[in-house]
């Protein structure tokens, strides 16, 4: 059995209460493997970023009488891949949501969440959707679909993947996703904006006490979503394109330039050339042409090169009152929205998580459940980087994420370690690094 202490074990133990609530309709011989063994077996593939992890551990068990699935994950008997897929196909992905919340609570307890505070002392929460499966051959009841002009139909899965971000911080804290899927009793297909409304309804009450400002693209800067955010105690900084908000753009164009519309120009040297930053802002403007229009605050940034050519232009609406003192900081926070593309979605798709790989589609919940496990592995890696000094030192020394996981895959294929800590100590020794110790204590 793995040792019942240390960062890695504590994180894996956070799964236990959720697994205990999983549905299980198996009977008789089908119950050879426990739900914990089945779930942790699937999770181990994502956490080690090794699609062949279970296969290697079965081989090691035959050769050595022990394996890393047992010592690292407390998996006494490794289930078959088919058994894993069949059982997890019946488990709703929402069953894992509380694990995200408990992991976030752990980071709060260790005061790591506070380090993400930025504009106005708020936490910036990015909302964005990403697709993680697409096929013309496979489908399930939870697939979305699109019919092409040539008559073919593509089936796909996508999800809203919220994260906490901060300017200048390369890490993000992944929160529970909201799967975009057909909803009961709805004729229309689900979409990103509807998923965002469900996520807000599900989670706003828990997060609002922390002081949250939601970031999002132009899709979310519509009155229904903005009103829901305000009604649930959340601030926002949302991209607001002139093309999708013509009334607001016209209002800004006719603002009194000496009273309501403010502008500031600043020369900035970016290390290569001089750029002109033009910042404009106005408070209390209508979001749409309607007597019941929501009144918001508006900011715009235009960047011009030395030839006067526009190299950047974006605008935002926000609940925060704007002033000479805070408008640049607010825009810096609003531009943080790209972090959900780079530090989150791009990392998940290109840095070893293989988000778009079909790990198993299933007939019911499997694809969505495995996506959620993958996101949870990403969150656990962030927690280890923040709280486990050994893990952090090795990751920094090896520099590249893929180098670390390549080494982890090779080590766990050929050697059996008594614990996660023993493996990290072996890596430290091989790299001739002094042991920093300092794992956070059990809860």
Protein backbone atom coordinates (compact mmCIF):
# COMPACT_ATOMS: atom_id res chain seq x y z
CA UNK A 1 0.00 0.00 0.00
CA UNK A 2 1.16 3.56 -0.61
CA UNK A 3 2.07 5.61 2.42
CA UNK A 4 -0.87 7.57 3.80
CA UNK A 5 0.85 10.95 3.91
CA UNK A 6 2.32 13.55 1.61
CA UNK A 7 0.85 15.80 -1.04
CA UNK A 8 0.15 13.16 -3.65
CA UNK A 9 -1.70 10.81 -1.30
CA UNK A 10 -3.78 13.63 0.16
CA UNK A 11 -4.90 14.67 -3.30
CA UNK A 12 -5.83 11.13 -4.33
CA UNK A 13 -7.77 10.72 -1.09
CA UNK A 14 -9.93 13.71 -2.06
CA UNK A 15 -11.50 11.44 -4.66
CA UNK A 16 -12.77 8.92 -2.12
CA UNK A 17 -15.98 10.72 -0.98
CA UNK A 18 -17.00 11.33 -4.60
CA UNK A 19 -16.35 7.72 -5.61
CA UNK A 20 -18.45 6.51 -2.68
CA UNK A 21 -21.45 8.27 -4.27
CA UNK A 22 -20.97 6.86 -7.77
CA UNK A 23 -23.84 4.74 -9.13
CA UNK A 24 -22.97 1.04 -9.38
CA UNK A 25 -25.45 -1.41 -10.88
CA UNK A 26 -23.01 -4.31 -11.18
CA UNK A 27 -23.87 -7.68 -9.73
CA UNK A 28 -22.10 -10.95 -9.02
CA UNK A 29 -18.84 -11.57 -10.87
CA UNK A 30 -18.93 -8.09 -12.35
CA UNK A 31 -17.98 -6.62 -8.96
CA UNK A 32 -14.46 -8.07 -8.82
CA UNK A 33 -12.98 -4.57 -9.00
CA UNK A 34 -14.02 -1.82 -6.61
CA UNK A 35 -15.24 1.53 -7.91
CA UNK A 36 -12.14 3.09 -6.39
CA UNK A 37 -9.85 0.72 -8.29
CA UNK A 38 -11.69 1.43 -11.52
CA UNK A 39 -11.72 5.21 -11.07
CA UNK A 40 -8.12 5.50 -9.86
CA UNK A 41 -6.99 3.25 -12.71
CA UNK A 42 -8.47 5.69 -15.22
CA UNK A 43 -7.15 8.66 -13.25
CA UNK A 44 -3.62 7.23 -13.11
CA UNK A 45 -3.38 7.43 -16.91
CA UNK A 46 -4.09 11.17 -16.85
CA UNK A 47 -2.04 11.96 -13.75
CA UNK A 48 1.07 10.20 -15.08
CA UNK A 49 0.33 11.36 -18.64
CA UNK A 50 1.04 7.79 -19.71
CA UNK A 51 -1.65 6.16 -21.91
CA UNK A 52 0.17 2.83 -21.39
CA UNK A 53 0.58 3.17 -17.61
CA UNK A 54 -1.83 0.35 -16.71
CA UNK A 55 -0.42 -1.98 -19.34
CA UNK A 56 3.10 -1.41 -18.02
CA UNK A 57 1.97 -2.05 -14.44
CA UNK A 58 0.30 -5.32 -15.39
CA UNK A 59 3.59 -6.41 -16.98
CA UNK A 60 5.54 -5.30 -13.91
CA UNK A 61 3.16 -7.20 -11.62
CA UNK A 62 3.78 -10.40 -13.57
CA UNK A 63 7.56 -9.92 -13.52
CA UNK A 64 8.13 -8.49 -10.03
CA UNK A 65 5.03 -9.30 -8.01
CA UNK A 66 4.36 -5.63 -7.38
CA UNK A 67 3.59 -2.50 -9.40
CA UNK A 68 3.23 1.27 -9.20
CA UNK A 69 -0.55 1.19 -9.57
CA UNK A 70 -0.61 -0.51 -6.17
CA UNK A 71 2.15 1.48 -4.43
CA UNK A 72 1.26 4.93 -5.80
CA UNK A 73 -2.52 4.72 -6.22
CA UNK A 74 -3.54 1.90 -3.83
CA UNK A 75 -5.01 -0.10 -6.73
CA UNK A 76 -4.81 -3.66 -5.47
CA UNK A 77 -6.03 -5.29 -8.69
CA UNK A 78 -5.81 -3.51 -12.04
CA UNK A 79 -9.09 -3.79 -13.98
CA UNK A 80 -9.19 -4.34 -17.72
CA UNK A 81 -9.61 -1.34 -20.01
CA UNK A 82 -13.04 -2.59 -21.10
CA UNK A 83 -14.16 -2.95 -17.49
CA UNK A 84 -13.04 0.60 -16.74
CA UNK A 85 -14.94 2.00 -19.71
CA UNK A 86 -18.10 -0.02 -19.08
CA UNK A 87 -18.38 1.01 -15.44
CA UNK A 88 -17.45 4.68 -15.86
CA UNK A 89 -19.86 5.03 -18.79
CA UNK A 90 -22.67 5.04 -16.22
CA UNK A 91 -21.13 7.71 -13.94
CA UNK A 92 -22.22 11.34 -14.57
CA UNK A 93 -19.29 13.71 -14.92
CA UNK A 94 -20.94 15.98 -12.33
CA UNK A 95 -20.08 13.32 -9.74
CA UNK A 96 -16.53 14.70 -9.71
CA UNK A 97 -17.46 18.36 -9.22
CA UNK A 98 -17.04 18.35 -5.45
CA UNK A 99 -13.45 17.14 -5.84
CA UNK A 100 -12.63 20.39 -7.66
CA UNK A 101 -14.24 22.38 -4.87
CA UNK A 102 -12.41 20.46 -2.13
CA UNK A 103 -9.11 20.89 -3.95
CA UNK A 104 -9.78 24.62 -4.29
CA UNK A 105 -10.57 24.70 -0.55
CA UNK A 106 -7.20 23.05 0.11
CA UNK A 107 -5.45 25.80 -1.85
CA UNK A 108 -7.38 28.40 0.11
CA UNK A 109 -6.36 26.77 3.38
CA UNK A 110 -2.71 26.93 2.29
CA UNK A 111 -3.21 30.61 1.31
CA UNK A 112 -2.28 29.93 -2.30
CA UNK A 113 -5.52 31.33 -3.71
CA UNK A 114 -4.75 34.74 -2.19
CA UNK A 115 -1.65 34.95 -4.39
CA UNK A 116 -3.94 35.08 -7.43
CA UNK A 117 -5.65 38.30 -6.38
CA UNK A 118 -5.12 41.20 -8.77
CA UNK A 119 -7.38 44.02 -9.97
CA UNK A 120 -9.30 45.63 -7.08
CA UNK A 121 -8.20 42.75 -4.84
CA UNK A 122 -10.42 40.41 -6.86
CA UNK A 123 -9.92 36.90 -8.20
CA UNK A 124 -10.19 36.77 -11.98
CA UNK A 125 -12.33 33.84 -13.15
CA UNK A 126 -12.16 33.11 -16.90
CA UNK A 127 -15.03 31.40 -18.69
CA UNK A 128 -14.41 29.80 -22.07
CA UNK A 129 -15.47 26.71 -23.98
CA UNK A 130 -13.37 24.13 -25.78
CA UNK A 131 -14.13 21.11 -27.95
CA UNK A 132 -12.58 17.78 -26.95
CA UNK A 133 -14.13 15.18 -29.29
CA UNK A 134 -15.31 15.14 -32.89
CA UNK A 135 -16.32 12.28 -35.17
CA UNK A 136 -18.57 11.46 -38.09
CA UNK A 137 -18.79 7.80 -37.03
CA UNK A 138 -19.20 7.79 -33.25
CA UNK A 139 -22.00 9.44 -31.31
CA UNK A 140 -23.90 9.19 -28.04
CA UNK A 141 -26.99 10.84 -26.49
CA UNK A 142 -24.78 13.61 -25.07
CA UNK A 143 -23.16 14.54 -28.38
CA UNK A 144 -23.82 17.85 -30.07
CA UNK A 145 -23.97 17.70 -33.85
CA UNK A 146 -23.65 19.84 -36.95
CA UNK A 147 -24.79 19.01 -40.47
CA UNK A 148 -22.45 20.11 -43.26
CA UNK A 149 -23.38 21.33 -46.71
CA UNK A 150 -22.33 18.02 -48.24
CA UNK A 151 -24.88 16.20 -46.07
CA UNK A 152 -22.42 14.65 -43.61
CA UNK A 153 -23.00 15.07 -39.89
CA UNK A 154 -20.23 15.67 -37.33
CA UNK A 155 -20.83 14.71 -33.73
CA UNK A 156 -18.81 16.47 -31.06
CA UNK A 157 -18.35 17.08 -27.34
CA UNK A 158 -17.35 20.39 -25.80
CA UNK A 159 -17.22 21.89 -22.33
CA UNK A 160 -16.95 25.17 -20.47
CA UNK A 161 -13.60 25.03 -18.64
CA UNK A 162 -13.40 27.83 -16.02
CA UNK A 163 -10.06 28.78 -14.47
CA UNK A 164 -8.70 31.32 -11.98
CA UNK A 165 -5.98 33.48 -13.57
CA UNK A 166 -3.79 36.42 -12.61
CA UNK A 167 -1.63 38.83 -14.66
CA UNK A 168 1.98 37.68 -14.69
CA UNK A 169 1.19 34.28 -13.14
CA UNK A 170 1.97 31.35 -15.49
CA UNK A 171 -0.32 29.00 -13.55
CA UNK A 172 -4.11 28.73 -13.60
CA UNK A 173 -6.41 27.04 -11.10
CA UNK A 174 -8.87 24.79 -12.93
CA UNK A 175 -12.44 24.75 -11.60
CA UNK A 176 -15.23 22.25 -12.19
CA UNK A 177 -16.25 22.21 -15.88
CA UNK A 178 -19.75 22.49 -17.28
CA UNK A 179 -20.35 20.00 -20.08
CA UNK A 180 -22.07 21.39 -23.17
CA UNK A 181 -24.63 18.72 -24.00
CA UNK A 182 -28.32 18.39 -24.91
CA UNK A 183 -30.47 19.26 -21.92
CA UNK A 184 -33.56 17.35 -20.84
CA UNK A 185 -36.73 18.85 -22.23
CA UNK A 186 -34.89 21.18 -24.62
CA UNK A 187 -35.41 21.02 -28.38
CA UNK A 188 -32.43 23.21 -29.27
CA UNK A 189 -28.84 22.06 -28.97
CA UNK A 190 -26.86 23.27 -25.99
CA UNK A 191 -24.34 26.06 -26.39
CA UNK A 192 -21.51 27.81 -24.57
CA UNK A 193 -23.60 30.70 -23.28
CA UNK A 194 -26.24 28.36 -21.83
CA UNK A 195 -23.52 26.28 -20.20
CA UNK A 196 -22.13 29.48 -18.67
CA UNK A 197 -25.54 30.30 -17.21
CA UNK A 198 -25.75 26.82 -15.66
CA UNK A 199 -22.24 27.14 -14.25
CA UNK A 200 -23.08 30.50 -12.68
CA UNK A 201 -26.29 29.10 -11.20
CA UNK A 202 -24.43 26.08 -9.83
CA UNK A 203 -21.34 27.78 -8.37
CA UNK A 204 -21.82 31.54 -7.89
CA UNK A 205 -23.09 31.23 -4.31
CA UNK A 206 -19.86 29.48 -3.28
CA UNK A 207 -17.42 31.74 -5.08
CA UNK A 208 -18.98 35.20 -4.70
CA UNK A 209 -17.81 35.59 -1.09
CA UNK A 210 -14.22 35.47 -2.37
CA UNK A 211 -14.59 38.58 -4.52
CA UNK A 212 -14.84 37.36 -8.10
CA UNK A 213 -14.56 39.20 -11.40
CA UNK A 214 -15.57 37.05 -14.36
CA UNK A 215 -13.63 37.40 -17.61
CA UNK A 216 -15.05 36.24 -20.92
CA UNK A 217 -15.19 36.87 -24.64
CA UNK A 218 -17.83 38.77 -26.57
CA UNK A 219 -20.21 35.82 -26.42
CA UNK A 220 -20.90 36.54 -22.74
CA UNK A 221 -21.36 40.31 -22.91
CA UNK A 222 -25.08 39.98 -23.61
CA UNK A 223 -27.64 41.34 -21.19
CA UNK A 224 -29.04 38.00 -19.93
CA UNK A 225 -25.60 36.73 -18.91
CA UNK A 226 -24.47 40.08 -17.53
CA UNK A 227 -27.67 40.39 -15.49
CA UNK A 228 -27.27 36.88 -14.14
CA UNK A 229 -23.69 37.63 -13.05
CA UNK A 230 -24.77 40.77 -11.22
CA UNK A 231 -27.79 39.08 -9.61
CA UNK A 232 -25.45 36.37 -8.31
CA UNK A 233 -22.99 38.80 -6.76
CA UNK A 234 -20.25 38.51 -9.39
CA UNK A 235 -18.40 41.34 -11.12
CA UNK A 236 -17.32 41.07 -14.74
CA UNK A 237 -14.92 42.38 -17.39
CA UNK A 238 -16.21 41.05 -20.71
CA UNK A 239 -15.02 41.63 -24.25
CA UNK A 240 -17.54 43.80 -26.08
CA UNK A 241 -17.08 44.05 -29.84
CA UNK A 242 -18.56 47.07 -31.63
CA UNK A 243 -19.97 44.79 -34.35
CA UNK A 244 -22.11 42.85 -31.85
CA UNK A 245 -23.10 45.89 -29.76
CA UNK A 246 -23.95 48.57 -32.36
CA UNK A 247 -26.18 50.58 -30.02
CA UNK A 248 -23.47 50.80 -27.37
CA UNK A 249 -20.89 51.74 -30.01
CA UNK A 250 -23.18 54.48 -31.31
CA UNK A 251 -23.71 55.74 -27.77
CA UNK A 252 -19.94 55.96 -27.23
CA UNK A 253 -19.50 57.77 -30.53
CA UNK A 254 -21.96 60.46 -29.42
CA UNK A 255 -20.69 60.84 -25.86
CA UNK A 256 -19.63 64.29 -24.74
CA UNK A 257 -15.86 64.11 -25.25
CA UNK A 258 -15.32 66.73 -22.52
CA UNK A 259 -17.63 65.24 -19.92
CA UNK A 260 -18.50 61.54 -20.32
CA UNK A 261 -15.82 60.07 -22.59
CA UNK A 262 -12.27 60.07 -21.26
CA UNK A 263 -9.10 59.44 -23.25
CA UNK A 264 -5.42 59.05 -22.44
CA UNK A 265 -2.47 58.53 -24.77
CA UNK A 266 0.85 57.10 -23.66
CA UNK A 267 4.10 56.24 -25.43
CA UNK A 268 5.40 52.79 -24.51
CA UNK A 269 8.80 51.28 -25.38
CA UNK A 270 8.42 47.51 -25.69
CA UNK A 271 12.14 46.83 -26.02
CA UNK A 272 12.09 47.00 -29.82
CA UNK A 273 9.92 49.92 -30.85
CA UNK A 274 7.80 52.76 -29.55
CA UNK A 275 4.07 52.08 -29.38
CA UNK A 276 1.21 54.45 -28.68
CA UNK A 277 -1.38 53.20 -26.18
CA UNK A 278 -4.73 54.97 -26.54
CA UNK A 279 -7.04 54.27 -23.61
CA UNK A 280 -10.66 55.42 -23.65
CA UNK A 281 -13.37 54.86 -21.08
CA UNK A 282 -16.87 55.91 -20.09
CA UNK A 283 -19.06 55.08 -17.10
CA UNK A 284 -22.81 54.38 -17.09
CA UNK A 285 -23.54 53.43 -20.69
CA UNK A 286 -26.43 51.25 -21.98
CA UNK A 287 -25.63 47.71 -23.08
CA UNK A 288 -28.42 47.67 -25.66
CA UNK A 289 -31.21 49.72 -27.24
CA UNK A 290 -34.02 49.06 -24.79
CA UNK A 291 -35.78 50.88 -21.97
CA UNK A 292 -34.77 47.99 -19.73
CA UNK A 293 -31.14 48.11 -20.84
CA UNK A 294 -28.48 47.22 -18.32
CA UNK A 295 -26.15 50.15 -17.65
CA UNK A 296 -22.49 49.21 -17.54
CA UNK A 297 -19.05 50.81 -17.76
CA UNK A 298 -16.95 50.66 -20.92
CA UNK A 299 -13.21 50.71 -21.70
CA UNK A 300 -11.20 50.49 -24.91
CA UNK A 301 -7.54 50.01 -25.75
CA UNK A 302 -5.98 50.82 -29.12
CA UNK A 303 -2.28 50.21 -29.78
CA UNK A 304 -0.56 51.91 -32.72
CA UNK A 305 2.95 51.36 -34.05
CA UNK A 306 5.42 54.08 -35.01
CA UNK A 307 3.77 54.43 -38.42
CA UNK A 308 0.39 55.05 -36.81
CA UNK A 309 -0.93 51.65 -37.86
CA UNK A 310 -3.31 49.93 -35.48
CA UNK A 311 -1.80 46.69 -34.12
CA UNK A 312 -4.35 45.99 -31.37
CA UNK A 313 -7.92 47.02 -30.63
CA UNK A 314 -10.30 45.67 -28.06
CA UNK A 315 -13.04 46.94 -25.80
CA UNK A 316 -14.74 45.67 -22.67
CA UNK A 317 -17.81 46.22 -20.52
CA UNK A 318 -17.53 45.94 -16.76
CA UNK A 319 -19.32 46.38 -13.46
CA UNK A 320 -16.29 48.19 -12.03
CA UNK A 321 -16.47 51.99 -12.02
CA UNK A 322 -13.62 53.34 -14.14
CA UNK A 323 -11.29 56.17 -13.33
CA UNK A 324 -7.94 57.68 -14.33
CA UNK A 325 -6.36 55.64 -11.54
CA UNK A 326 -7.70 52.16 -12.33
CA UNK A 327 -8.54 51.95 -16.05
CA UNK A 328 -5.15 50.64 -17.17
CA UNK A 329 -5.14 47.98 -14.46
CA UNK A 330 -8.66 46.93 -15.43
CA UNK A 331 -7.67 46.57 -19.08
CA UNK A 332 -4.64 44.53 -18.01
CA UNK A 333 -7.03 42.25 -16.12
CA UNK A 334 -9.41 42.07 -19.09
CA UNK A 335 -6.57 41.06 -21.40
CA UNK A 336 -5.86 38.16 -19.02
CA UNK A 337 -8.68 36.33 -20.80
CA UNK A 338 -6.13 35.00 -23.30
CA UNK A 339 -4.63 32.96 -20.45
CA UNK A 340 -7.52 30.50 -20.62
CA UNK A 341 -6.46 29.86 -24.23
CA UNK A 342 -2.71 29.60 -23.60
CA UNK A 343 -2.23 28.35 -20.03
CA UNK A 344 -5.37 26.19 -20.04
CA UNK A 345 -6.84 25.06 -23.37
CA UNK A 346 -3.59 25.04 -25.34
CA UNK A 347 -1.77 23.25 -22.50
CA UNK A 348 -4.50 20.62 -22.31
CA UNK A 349 -4.38 20.01 -26.06
CA UNK A 350 -0.63 20.13 -26.75
CA UNK A 351 1.30 19.58 -23.50
CA UNK A 352 0.65 15.94 -22.70
CA UNK A 353 -3.00 15.90 -21.62
CA UNK A 354 -4.16 15.02 -25.16
CA UNK A 355 -7.51 16.69 -24.53
CA UNK A 356 -8.76 15.93 -28.03
CA UNK A 357 -7.70 12.27 -27.95
CA UNK A 358 -10.52 9.74 -27.80
CA UNK A 359 -9.73 7.83 -24.58
CA UNK A 360 -13.14 6.17 -24.86
CA UNK A 361 -16.43 7.53 -26.13
CA UNK A 362 -18.95 5.14 -24.63
CA UNK A 363 -22.70 5.12 -25.07
CA UNK A 364 -23.61 7.44 -22.18
CA UNK A 365 -21.32 9.43 -19.90
CA UNK A 366 -17.84 8.04 -20.61
CA UNK A 367 -16.44 10.78 -22.85
CA UNK A 368 -17.56 13.56 -20.51
CA UNK A 369 -16.43 11.69 -17.41
CA UNK A 370 -12.92 11.07 -18.78
CA UNK A 371 -12.65 14.72 -19.83
CA UNK A 372 -13.46 15.73 -16.26
CA UNK A 373 -10.84 13.30 -14.88
CA UNK A 374 -8.30 14.82 -17.26
CA UNK A 375 -9.09 18.34 -16.03
CA UNK A 376 -8.81 17.10 -12.47
CA UNK A 377 -5.33 15.72 -13.22
CA UNK A 378 -4.38 19.16 -14.57
CA UNK A 379 -5.61 20.74 -11.33
CA UNK A 380 -3.69 18.21 -9.21
CA UNK A 381 -0.50 18.96 -11.15
CA UNK A 382 -1.00 22.65 -10.34
CA UNK A 383 -1.51 21.88 -6.66
CA UNK A 384 1.63 19.74 -6.55
CA UNK A 385 3.56 22.55 -8.22
CA UNK A 386 2.30 25.01 -5.61
CA UNK A 387 2.55 22.87 -2.48
CA UNK A 388 5.02 20.02 -2.99
CA UNK A 389 8.54 21.48 -2.83
CA UNK A 390 10.16 18.33 -4.24
CA UNK A 391 7.82 18.20 -7.21
CA UNK A 392 8.32 21.92 -7.84
CA UNK A 393 12.12 21.72 -7.69
CA UNK A 394 12.26 18.79 -10.12
CA UNK A 395 9.84 20.48 -12.51
CA UNK A 396 11.88 23.70 -12.46
CA UNK A 397 15.16 21.84 -12.91
CA UNK A 398 13.92 19.85 -15.89
CA UNK A 399 12.40 23.09 -17.28
CA UNK A 400 10.08 21.49 -19.82
CA UNK A 401 6.83 19.86 -18.73
CA UNK A 402 7.20 17.09 -21.31
CA UNK A 403 10.70 16.23 -20.01
CA UNK A 404 9.35 15.67 -16.50
CA UNK A 405 6.52 13.41 -17.65
CA UNK A 406 8.73 11.56 -20.09
CA UNK A 407 11.02 10.72 -17.17
CA UNK A 408 8.05 9.79 -14.98
CA UNK A 409 6.71 7.42 -17.64
CA UNK A 410 10.10 5.75 -18.07
CA UNK A 411 10.72 5.38 -14.34
CA UNK A 412 7.30 3.91 -13.56
CA UNK A 413 7.61 1.50 -16.48
CA UNK A 414 10.86 -0.10 -15.28
CA UNK A 415 10.98 0.53 -11.51
CA UNK A 416 8.50 0.01 -8.69
CA UNK A 417 8.54 2.78 -6.09
CA UNK A 418 7.17 2.35 -2.59
CA UNK A 419 5.49 5.77 -2.73
CA UNK A 420 5.25 9.03 -4.65
CA UNK A 421 7.74 10.53 -2.20
CA UNK A 422 10.21 7.71 -2.83
CA UNK A 423 9.99 8.36 -6.57
CA UNK A 424 10.61 12.09 -6.16
CA UNK A 425 13.57 11.42 -3.86
CA UNK A 426 15.01 9.06 -6.49
CA UNK A 427 14.67 11.79 -9.12
CA UNK A 428 16.27 14.38 -6.84
CA UNK A 429 19.19 12.06 -6.23
CA UNK A 430 19.62 11.40 -9.94
CA UNK A 431 19.62 15.13 -10.64
CA UNK A 432 22.07 15.69 -7.74
CA UNK A 433 19.67 18.08 -6.03
CA UNK A 434 19.39 18.64 -2.30
CA UNK A 435 16.08 17.45 -0.86
CA UNK A 436 14.01 20.57 -0.03
CA UNK A 437 11.53 18.50 2.02
CA UNK A 438 8.59 20.60 3.03
CA UNK A 439 5.59 18.59 1.83
CA UNK A 440 2.43 20.10 3.24
CA UNK A 441 1.04 18.17 6.23
CA UNK A 442 -2.11 16.02 6.13
CA UNK A 443 -5.46 17.75 6.59
